[in-house]
Amino acid sequence: MSSDYTISVVRADTDDKAWTVTVHDRPDWSFREKNFAAIDARVRDLACTHDGADPAAVTVTRTRVAVGDVDVTDRLADLDEQRRRAQKVTESVGATTLELIATLRRQAGLSTRDTGSVLGLTGGRISQLEQAQVESAKSETAE
């Protein structure tokens, strides 16, 4: 069973109090939802209930998002893509920061204050990040 679901999300106008959601290829799943943020979760729940799909593995793609005549589908998709890229960059920055902390502290022998100065962080933040790594390593070895 596929775990990919395509939906259209429309509000008739700004006075309409709910979004009308149509699940493509599943007209019996159409529903109205007041909270836009809850739509994807509701589709995942329907997929779990009716198709036995794992909600975490369900992909929801919006082919249309509109309020009246104002269609924001493409711009919303662009925003989602920018957020995905930003998340990857954030993760990369975090990993690089931790690697540099380890290098500057262990190999170069800098203090937390000097390491923070090099990285544009406070010495206290360097200590927090080092402590978090220690805690993470402890929990990984305990598993």
C-alpha atoms as a PDB file:
ATOM      1  CA  MET A   1       0.000   0.000   0.000  1.00  0.00           C
ATOM      2  CA  SER A   2       1.356   3.405  -0.970  1.00  0.00           C
ATOM      3  CA  SER A   3       2.120   5.871   1.783  1.00  0.00           C
ATOM      4  CA  ASP A   4       2.011   8.900  -0.532  1.00  0.00           C
ATOM      5  CA  TYR A   5      -1.174  10.979  -0.418  1.00  0.00           C
ATOM      6  CA  THR A   6      -1.987  14.028  -2.514  1.00  0.00           C
ATOM      7  CA  ILE A   7      -4.448  16.612  -1.239  1.00  0.00           C
ATOM      8  CA  SER A   8      -6.153  19.850  -2.222  1.00  0.00           C
ATOM      9  CA  VAL A   9      -6.872  22.366   0.525  1.00  0.00           C
ATOM     10  CA  VAL A  10      -9.343  25.169  -0.119  1.00  0.00           C
ATOM     11  CA  ARG A  11     -11.241  27.775   1.875  1.00  0.00           C
ATOM     12  CA  ALA A  12     -14.145  29.315   0.012  1.00  0.00           C
ATOM     13  CA  ASP A  13     -13.269  32.793   1.313  1.00  0.00           C
ATOM     14  CA  THR A  14     -11.962  34.548   4.398  1.00  0.00           C
ATOM     15  CA  ASP A  15     -15.375  34.233   6.084  1.00  0.00           C
ATOM     16  CA  ASP A  16     -15.338  30.448   5.742  1.00  0.00           C
ATOM     17  CA  LYS A  17     -14.329  28.998   9.110  1.00  0.00           C
ATOM     18  CA  ALA A  18     -12.815  25.740   7.862  1.00  0.00           C
ATOM     19  CA  TRP A  19     -10.601  24.324   5.140  1.00  0.00           C
ATOM     20  CA  THR A  20     -12.099  21.778   2.762  1.00  0.00           C
ATOM     21  CA  VAL A  21      -9.620  18.963   2.182  1.00  0.00           C
ATOM     22  CA  THR A  22      -9.891  16.552  -0.721  1.00  0.00           C
ATOM     23  CA  VAL A  23      -7.625  13.504  -0.767  1.00  0.00           C
ATOM     24  CA  HIS A  24      -6.958  12.600  -4.407  1.00  0.00           C
ATOM     25  CA  ASP A  25      -7.955   9.052  -5.349  1.00  0.00           C
ATOM     26  CA  ARG A  26      -9.823   8.807  -2.027  1.00  0.00           C
ATOM     27  CA  PRO A  27     -12.989  10.950  -2.343  1.00  0.00           C
ATOM     28  CA  ASP A  28     -14.485   9.189   0.685  1.00  0.00           C
ATOM     29  CA  TRP A  29     -11.739  10.774   2.804  1.00  0.00           C
ATOM     30  CA  SER A  30     -12.760  14.396   2.106  1.00  0.00           C
ATOM     31  CA  PHE A  31     -13.133  16.418   5.291  1.00  0.00           C
ATOM     32  CA  ARG A  32     -13.262  19.926   6.731  1.00  0.00           C
ATOM     33  CA  GLU A  33     -10.694  21.141   9.224  1.00  0.00           C
ATOM     34  CA  LYS A  34     -10.637  24.436  11.119  1.00  0.00           C
ATOM     35  CA  ASN A  35      -6.935  24.272  11.907  1.00  0.00           C
ATOM     36  CA  PHE A  36      -4.683  24.284   8.819  1.00  0.00           C
ATOM     37  CA  ALA A  37      -1.778  22.888  10.846  1.00  0.00           C
ATOM     38  CA  ALA A  38      -3.839  19.802  11.745  1.00  0.00           C
ATOM     39  CA  ILE A  39      -4.571  18.786   8.153  1.00  0.00           C
ATOM     40  CA  ASP A  40      -1.482  16.661   7.494  1.00  0.00           C
ATOM     41  CA  ALA A  41      -1.914  14.822  10.802  1.00  0.00           C
ATOM     42  CA  ARG A  42      -5.521  14.076   9.931  1.00  0.00           C
ATOM     43  CA  VAL A  43      -4.509  12.638   6.548  1.00  0.00           C
ATOM     44  CA  ARG A  44      -1.875  10.500   8.289  1.00  0.00           C
ATOM     45  CA  ASP A  45      -4.512   9.286  10.737  1.00  0.00           C
ATOM     46  CA  LEU A  46      -6.860   8.366   7.867  1.00  0.00           C
ATOM     47  CA  ALA A  47      -4.030   6.507   6.129  1.00  0.00           C
ATOM     48  CA  CYS A  48      -3.309   4.574   9.323  1.00  0.00           C
ATOM     49  CA  THR A  49      -6.968   3.789  10.001  1.00  0.00           C
ATOM     50  CA  HIS A  50      -8.012   2.835   6.479  1.00  0.00           C
ATOM     51  CA  ASP A  51      -4.809   1.611   4.833  1.00  0.00           C
ATOM     52  CA  GLY A  52      -2.784   0.444   7.826  1.00  0.00           C
ATOM     53  CA  ALA A  53      -0.003   2.876   6.903  1.00  0.00           C
ATOM     54  CA  ASP A  54       2.583   3.922   9.461  1.00  0.00           C
ATOM     55  CA  PRO A  55       1.723   7.605  10.123  1.00  0.00           C
ATOM     56  CA  ALA A  56       5.420   8.506  10.356  1.00  0.00           C
ATOM     57  CA  ALA A  57       6.011   7.075   6.864  1.00  0.00           C
ATOM     58  CA  VAL A  58       3.109   8.906   5.208  1.00  0.00           C
ATOM     59  CA  THR A  59       4.008  11.674   2.762  1.00  0.00           C
ATOM     60  CA  VAL A  60       1.383  14.369   2.191  1.00  0.00           C
ATOM     61  CA  THR A  61       1.714  16.515  -0.936  1.00  0.00           C
ATOM     62  CA  ARG A  62      -0.499  19.544  -1.442  1.00  0.00           C
ATOM     63  CA  THR A  63      -1.416  20.092  -5.102  1.00  0.00           C
ATOM     64  CA  ARG A  64      -3.562  23.098  -4.305  1.00  0.00           C
ATOM     65  CA  VAL A  65      -3.810  25.523  -1.395  1.00  0.00           C
ATOM     66  CA  ALA A  66      -6.199  28.399  -1.956  1.00  0.00           C
ATOM     67  CA  VAL A  67      -8.476  30.870  -0.246  1.00  0.00           C
ATOM     68  CA  GLY A  68     -11.122  31.864  -2.746  1.00  0.00           C
ATOM     69  CA  ASP A  69      -9.312  32.923  -5.915  1.00  0.00           C
ATOM     70  CA  VAL A  70      -5.959  33.372  -4.156  1.00  0.00           C
ATOM     71  CA  ASP A  71      -3.815  30.314  -4.842  1.00  0.00           C
ATOM     72  CA  VAL A  72      -0.606  30.032  -2.782  1.00  0.00           C
ATOM     73  CA  THR A  73       0.340  26.478  -3.723  1.00  0.00           C
ATOM     74  CA  ASP A  74       3.618  27.246  -5.490  1.00  0.00           C
ATOM     75  CA  ARG A  75       4.789  29.841  -2.979  1.00  0.00           C
ATOM     76  CA  LEU A  76       3.978  27.520  -0.088  1.00  0.00           C
ATOM     77  CA  ALA A  77       5.935  24.704  -1.758  1.00  0.00           C
ATOM     78  CA  ASP A  78       8.898  27.084  -2.208  1.00  0.00           C
ATOM     79  CA  LEU A  79       8.723  28.037   1.457  1.00  0.00           C
ATOM     80  CA  ASP A  80       8.642  24.373   2.522  1.00  0.00           C
ATOM     81  CA  GLU A  81      11.710  23.672   0.370  1.00  0.00           C
ATOM     82  CA  GLN A  82      13.552  26.667   1.851  1.00  0.00           C
ATOM     83  CA  ARG A  83      12.759  25.384   5.347  1.00  0.00           C
ATOM     84  CA  ARG A  84      14.108  21.920   4.463  1.00  0.00           C
ATOM     85  CA  ARG A  85      17.317  23.451   3.141  1.00  0.00           C
ATOM     86  CA  ALA A  86      17.621  25.709   6.208  1.00  0.00           C
ATOM     87  CA  GLN A  87      17.225  22.678   8.486  1.00  0.00           C
ATOM     88  CA  LYS A  88      20.054  20.884   6.668  1.00  0.00           C
ATOM     89  CA  VAL A  89      22.271  23.966   6.949  1.00  0.00           C
ATOM     90  CA  THR A  90      21.450  24.286  10.650  1.00  0.00           C
ATOM     91  CA  GLU A  91      22.391  20.646  11.224  1.00  0.00           C
ATOM     92  CA  SER A  92      25.628  21.118   9.291  1.00  0.00           C
ATOM     93  CA  VAL A  93      26.514  24.258  11.260  1.00  0.00           C
ATOM     94  CA  GLY A  94      25.913  22.382  14.510  1.00  0.00           C
ATOM     95  CA  ALA A  95      28.101  19.450  13.499  1.00  0.00           C
ATOM     96  CA  THR A  96      30.894  21.723  12.263  1.00  0.00           C
ATOM     97  CA  THR A  97      30.733  23.761  15.470  1.00  0.00           C
ATOM     98  CA  LEU A  98      31.090  20.622  17.602  1.00  0.00           C
ATOM     99  CA  GLU A  99      34.011  19.401  15.485  1.00  0.00           C
ATOM    100  CA  LEU A 100      35.754  22.767  15.825  1.00  0.00           C
ATOM    101  CA  ILE A 101      35.183  22.829  19.579  1.00  0.00           C
ATOM    102  CA  ALA A 102      36.804  19.404  19.875  1.00  0.00           C
ATOM    103  CA  THR A 103      39.733  20.463  17.689  1.00  0.00           C
ATOM    104  CA  LEU A 104      40.332  23.776  19.447  1.00  0.00           C
ATOM    105  CA  ARG A 105      39.927  22.357  22.939  1.00  0.00           C
ATOM    106  CA  ARG A 106      41.728  19.014  22.626  1.00  0.00           C
ATOM    107  CA  GLN A 107      44.270  19.476  19.849  1.00  0.00           C
ATOM    108  CA  ALA A 108      45.021  23.200  20.126  1.00  0.00           C
ATOM    109  CA  GLY A 109      44.562  23.301  23.909  1.00  0.00           C
ATOM    110  CA  LEU A 110      42.440  26.465  24.011  1.00  0.00           C
ATOM    111  CA  SER A 111      40.319  27.375  27.015  1.00  0.00           C
ATOM    112  CA  THR A 112      36.544  27.474  26.761  1.00  0.00           C
ATOM    113  CA  ARG A 113      36.725  31.279  26.704  1.00  0.00           C
ATOM    114  CA  ASP A 114      39.268  31.363  23.866  1.00  0.00           C
ATOM    115  CA  THR A 115      37.419  28.661  21.941  1.00  0.00           C
ATOM    116  CA  GLY A 116      34.225  30.655  22.296  1.00  0.00           C
ATOM    117  CA  SER A 117      35.971  33.775  21.105  1.00  0.00           C
ATOM    118  CA  VAL A 118      37.225  32.023  17.968  1.00  0.00           C
ATOM    119  CA  LEU A 119      33.761  30.622  17.210  1.00  0.00           C
ATOM    120  CA  GLY A 120      31.779  33.723  18.142  1.00  0.00           C
ATOM    121  CA  LEU A 121      30.223  32.058  21.195  1.00  0.00           C
ATOM    122  CA  THR A 122      30.603  32.533  24.929  1.00  0.00           C
ATOM    123  CA  GLY A 123      32.773  30.283  27.025  1.00  0.00           C
ATOM    124  CA  GLY A 124      29.613  29.223  28.852  1.00  0.00           C
ATOM    125  CA  ARG A 125      28.029  28.091  25.587  1.00  0.00           C
ATOM    126  CA  ILE A 126      31.156  26.077  24.761  1.00  0.00           C
ATOM    127  CA  SER A 127      30.829  24.345  28.147  1.00  0.00           C
ATOM    128  CA  GLN A 128      27.133  23.626  27.508  1.00  0.00           C
ATOM    129  CA  LEU A 129      27.859  22.091  24.109  1.00  0.00           C
ATOM    130  CA  GLU A 130      30.686  19.964  25.508  1.00  0.00           C
ATOM    131  CA  GLN A 131      28.470  18.775  28.366  1.00  0.00           C
ATOM    132  CA  ALA A 132      25.668  17.905  25.940  1.00  0.00           C
ATOM    133  CA  GLN A 133      28.124  15.804  23.927  1.00  0.00           C
ATOM    134  CA  VAL A 134      29.224  13.976  27.066  1.00  0.00           C
ATOM    135  CA  GLU A 135      25.587  13.276  28.026  1.00  0.00           C
ATOM    136  CA  SER A 136      24.787  12.121  24.503  1.00  0.00           C
ATOM    137  CA  ALA A 137      27.775   9.759  24.492  1.00  0.00           C
ATOM    138  CA  LYS A 138      26.694   8.347  27.882  1.00  0.00           C
ATOM    139  CA  SER A 139      23.151   7.679  26.690  1.00  0.00           C
ATOM    140  CA  GLU A 140      24.436   6.018  23.488  1.00  0.00           C
ATOM    141  CA  THR A 141      26.680   3.633  25.432  1.00  0.00           C
ATOM    142  CA  ALA A 142      23.843   2.826  27.855  1.00  0.00           C
ATOM    143  CA  GLU A 143      21.645   1.605  24.982  1.00  0.00           C
END
